[in-house]
Amino acid sequence: EEEEEEEEDLYTPKLGQSFPKELYHILNEDKNHIFRPKEWVVYKTSAQIFVWAIVLYQYSEWENELTGEESTSSEPTMTRYKILLNEQEPERETVSVLDLYKFITIVPENEVEGQE
């Protein structure tokens, strides 16, 4: 029974948990992606580790002025988001859109051929 539970937990997303390497092929990064609040995404950390996260909101440059936070993006026009990595710690990360990944839909080859 314990083995079944562990196997089930492997694919139940948890904030901050590593994203399974065998599923990397369904991830897509694009600077033009638009992320919505409460959307589950995969975040690539500075250590190049892919982890589950939830988008809170798009981060505006005017917030830098309010919080005194320095811009960490090398490209000031790059869209940034506030994300949550851990439910127990209320600290939110400010990240570049280039470090967030959406999930792509994989269409079986036989369905693609049938549409021609």
C-alpha atoms as a PDB file:
ATOM      1  CA  GLU A   1       0.000   0.000   0.000  1.00  0.00           C
ATOM      2  CA  GLU A   2       2.801   2.427   0.849  1.00  0.00           C
ATOM      3  CA  GLU A   3       4.414   1.900  -2.560  1.00  0.00           C
ATOM      4  CA  GLU A   4       1.127   2.802  -4.269  1.00  0.00           C
ATOM      5  CA  GLU A   5       0.891   6.021  -2.235  1.00  0.00           C
ATOM      6  CA  GLU A   6       4.469   6.996  -3.072  1.00  0.00           C
ATOM      7  CA  GLU A   7       3.872   6.337  -6.766  1.00  0.00           C
ATOM      8  CA  GLU A   8       0.698   8.446  -6.694  1.00  0.00           C
ATOM      9  CA  ASP A   9       2.501  11.325  -4.953  1.00  0.00           C
ATOM     10  CA  LEU A  10       5.172  11.306  -7.650  1.00  0.00           C
ATOM     11  CA  TYR A  11       2.734  12.884 -10.117  1.00  0.00           C
ATOM     12  CA  THR A  12       0.678  14.985  -7.732  1.00  0.00           C
ATOM     13  CA  PRO A  13       2.191  18.464  -7.995  1.00  0.00           C
ATOM     14  CA  LYS A  14       3.435  20.078  -4.799  1.00  0.00           C
ATOM     15  CA  LEU A  15       4.814  23.597  -4.669  1.00  0.00           C
ATOM     16  CA  GLY A  16       8.597  23.643  -4.849  1.00  0.00           C
ATOM     17  CA  GLN A  17       8.803  19.919  -5.649  1.00  0.00           C
ATOM     18  CA  SER A  18      11.100  18.867  -8.493  1.00  0.00           C
ATOM     19  CA  PHE A  19       9.348  18.370 -11.812  1.00  0.00           C
ATOM     20  CA  PRO A  20       9.876  14.809 -13.167  1.00  0.00           C
ATOM     21  CA  LYS A  21      12.654  14.711 -15.788  1.00  0.00           C
ATOM     22  CA  GLU A  22      10.703  12.189 -17.854  1.00  0.00           C
ATOM     23  CA  LEU A  23       8.091  14.915 -18.481  1.00  0.00           C
ATOM     24  CA  TYR A  24      10.451  17.715 -19.586  1.00  0.00           C
ATOM     25  CA  HIS A  25       9.372  17.114 -23.194  1.00  0.00           C
ATOM     26  CA  ILE A  26       5.894  18.566 -22.446  1.00  0.00           C
ATOM     27  CA  LEU A  27       7.291  21.901 -21.219  1.00  0.00           C
ATOM     28  CA  ASN A  28       7.453  25.009 -23.359  1.00  0.00           C
ATOM     29  CA  GLU A  29       9.209  28.310 -22.605  1.00  0.00           C
ATOM     30  CA  ASP A  30       8.398  31.384 -24.657  1.00  0.00           C
ATOM     31  CA  LYS A  31       8.933  35.062 -23.848  1.00  0.00           C
ATOM     32  CA  ASN A  32       5.452  35.749 -25.278  1.00  0.00           C
ATOM     33  CA  HIS A  33       3.587  33.405 -22.921  1.00  0.00           C
ATOM     34  CA  ILE A  34       0.984  35.072 -20.760  1.00  0.00           C
ATOM     35  CA  PHE A  35       0.508  33.510 -17.351  1.00  0.00           C
ATOM     36  CA  ARG A  36      -2.670  33.860 -15.313  1.00  0.00           C
ATOM     37  CA  PRO A  37      -3.047  34.098 -11.521  1.00  0.00           C
ATOM     38  CA  LYS A  38      -3.300  30.657  -9.863  1.00  0.00           C
ATOM     39  CA  GLU A  39      -1.882  28.927 -12.961  1.00  0.00           C
ATOM     40  CA  TRP A  40       0.379  25.951 -12.199  1.00  0.00           C
ATOM     41  CA  VAL A  41       3.705  26.277 -14.001  1.00  0.00           C
ATOM     42  CA  VAL A  42       7.211  24.894 -13.862  1.00  0.00           C
ATOM     43  CA  TYR A  43       9.938  27.290 -12.740  1.00  0.00           C
ATOM     44  CA  LYS A  44      13.610  26.873 -13.686  1.00  0.00           C
ATOM     45  CA  THR A  45      15.699  27.888 -10.662  1.00  0.00           C
ATOM     46  CA  SER A  46      19.101  29.544 -10.834  1.00  0.00           C
ATOM     47  CA  ALA A  47      20.537  26.075 -10.111  1.00  0.00           C
ATOM     48  CA  GLN A  48      18.863  24.817 -13.336  1.00  0.00           C
ATOM     49  CA  ILE A  49      16.373  22.698 -11.371  1.00  0.00           C
ATOM     50  CA  PHE A  50      12.778  22.549 -12.593  1.00  0.00           C
ATOM     51  CA  VAL A  51      10.171  22.861  -9.813  1.00  0.00           C
ATOM     52  CA  TRP A  52       6.404  23.283  -9.509  1.00  0.00           C
ATOM     53  CA  ALA A  53       5.121  26.810  -8.822  1.00  0.00           C
ATOM     54  CA  ILE A  54       1.926  28.859  -8.924  1.00  0.00           C
ATOM     55  CA  VAL A  55       1.719  32.222 -10.653  1.00  0.00           C
ATOM     56  CA  LEU A  56       0.362  34.939  -8.375  1.00  0.00           C
ATOM     57  CA  TYR A  57       0.400  37.941 -10.701  1.00  0.00           C
ATOM     58  CA  GLN A  58       2.383  39.827 -13.321  1.00  0.00           C
ATOM     59  CA  TYR A  59       4.967  42.036 -11.625  1.00  0.00           C
ATOM     60  CA  SER A  60       4.975  45.707 -12.611  1.00  0.00           C
ATOM     61  CA  GLU A  61       8.033  47.932 -12.700  1.00  0.00           C
ATOM     62  CA  TRP A  62       6.252  50.473 -10.491  1.00  0.00           C
ATOM     63  CA  GLU A  63       6.366  47.876  -7.700  1.00  0.00           C
ATOM     64  CA  ASN A  64      10.156  48.236  -7.738  1.00  0.00           C
ATOM     65  CA  GLU A  65       9.704  51.847  -6.692  1.00  0.00           C
ATOM     66  CA  LEU A  66       7.234  50.941  -3.941  1.00  0.00           C
ATOM     67  CA  THR A  67       9.301  48.075  -2.501  1.00  0.00           C
ATOM     68  CA  GLY A  68      12.760  49.433  -3.263  1.00  0.00           C
ATOM     69  CA  GLU A  69      13.526  46.140  -5.020  1.00  0.00           C
ATOM     70  CA  GLU A  70      16.329  46.209  -7.562  1.00  0.00           C
ATOM     71  CA  SER A  71      15.585  44.917 -11.052  1.00  0.00           C
ATOM     72  CA  THR A  72      17.356  41.561 -11.403  1.00  0.00           C
ATOM     73  CA  SER A  73      16.503  41.104 -15.062  1.00  0.00           C
ATOM     74  CA  SER A  74      19.322  41.862 -17.491  1.00  0.00           C
ATOM     75  CA  GLU A  75      16.675  43.060 -19.938  1.00  0.00           C
ATOM     76  CA  PRO A  76      14.438  45.690 -18.285  1.00  0.00           C
ATOM     77  CA  THR A  77      11.539  45.173 -20.719  1.00  0.00           C
ATOM     78  CA  MET A  78      11.259  41.431 -19.956  1.00  0.00           C
ATOM     79  CA  THR A  79       7.936  40.512 -18.359  1.00  0.00           C
ATOM     80  CA  ARG A  80       8.253  39.301 -14.790  1.00  0.00           C
ATOM     81  CA  TYR A  81       5.884  37.470 -12.480  1.00  0.00           C
ATOM     82  CA  LYS A  82       5.468  36.913  -8.764  1.00  0.00           C
ATOM     83  CA  ILE A  83       5.266  33.190  -8.053  1.00  0.00           C
ATOM     84  CA  LEU A  84       4.709  31.038  -4.987  1.00  0.00           C
ATOM     85  CA  LEU A  85       7.057  28.095  -4.396  1.00  0.00           C
ATOM     86  CA  ASN A  86       6.071  27.098  -0.865  1.00  0.00           C
ATOM     87  CA  GLU A  87       2.689  27.333   0.875  1.00  0.00           C
ATOM     88  CA  GLN A  88       4.288  27.448   4.341  1.00  0.00           C
ATOM     89  CA  GLU A  89       6.524  30.410   3.552  1.00  0.00           C
ATOM     90  CA  PRO A  90       4.661  33.466   2.305  1.00  0.00           C
ATOM     91  CA  GLU A  91       7.748  34.837   0.521  1.00  0.00           C
ATOM     92  CA  ARG A  92       7.103  35.281  -3.176  1.00  0.00           C
ATOM     93  CA  GLU A  93       9.750  35.070  -5.884  1.00  0.00           C
ATOM     94  CA  THR A  94       9.988  37.656  -8.667  1.00  0.00           C
ATOM     95  CA  VAL A  95      11.007  35.790 -11.818  1.00  0.00           C
ATOM     96  CA  SER A  96      11.490  36.386 -15.533  1.00  0.00           C
ATOM     97  CA  VAL A  97       9.010  34.986 -18.021  1.00  0.00           C
ATOM     98  CA  LEU A  98      12.008  33.116 -19.502  1.00  0.00           C
ATOM     99  CA  ASP A  99      12.240  30.980 -16.349  1.00  0.00           C
ATOM    100  CA  LEU A 100       8.587  29.874 -16.458  1.00  0.00           C
ATOM    101  CA  TYR A 101       7.304  26.954 -18.492  1.00  0.00           C
ATOM    102  CA  LYS A 102       3.812  26.104 -19.717  1.00  0.00           C
ATOM    103  CA  PHE A 103       2.639  22.639 -20.625  1.00  0.00           C
ATOM    104  CA  ILE A 104       2.210  21.790 -24.301  1.00  0.00           C
ATOM    105  CA  THR A 105      -0.470  19.529 -25.692  1.00  0.00           C
ATOM    106  CA  ILE A 106       0.880  16.524 -27.523  1.00  0.00           C
ATOM    107  CA  VAL A 107      -1.275  15.437 -30.447  1.00  0.00           C
ATOM    108  CA  PRO A 108      -0.795  11.788 -31.452  1.00  0.00           C
ATOM    109  CA  GLU A 109       0.651  11.462 -34.981  1.00  0.00           C
ATOM    110  CA  ASN A 110      -2.367   9.516 -36.270  1.00  0.00           C
ATOM    111  CA  GLU A 111      -4.665  12.449 -35.323  1.00  0.00           C
ATOM    112  CA  VAL A 112      -2.450  14.945 -37.164  1.00  0.00           C
ATOM    113  CA  GLU A 113      -2.443  12.775 -40.301  1.00  0.00           C
ATOM    114  CA  GLY A 114      -6.244  12.455 -40.196  1.00  0.00           C
ATOM    115  CA  GLN A 115      -6.669  16.256 -40.332  1.00  0.00           C
ATOM    116  CA  GLU A 116      -4.868  16.709 -43.655  1.00  0.00           C
END
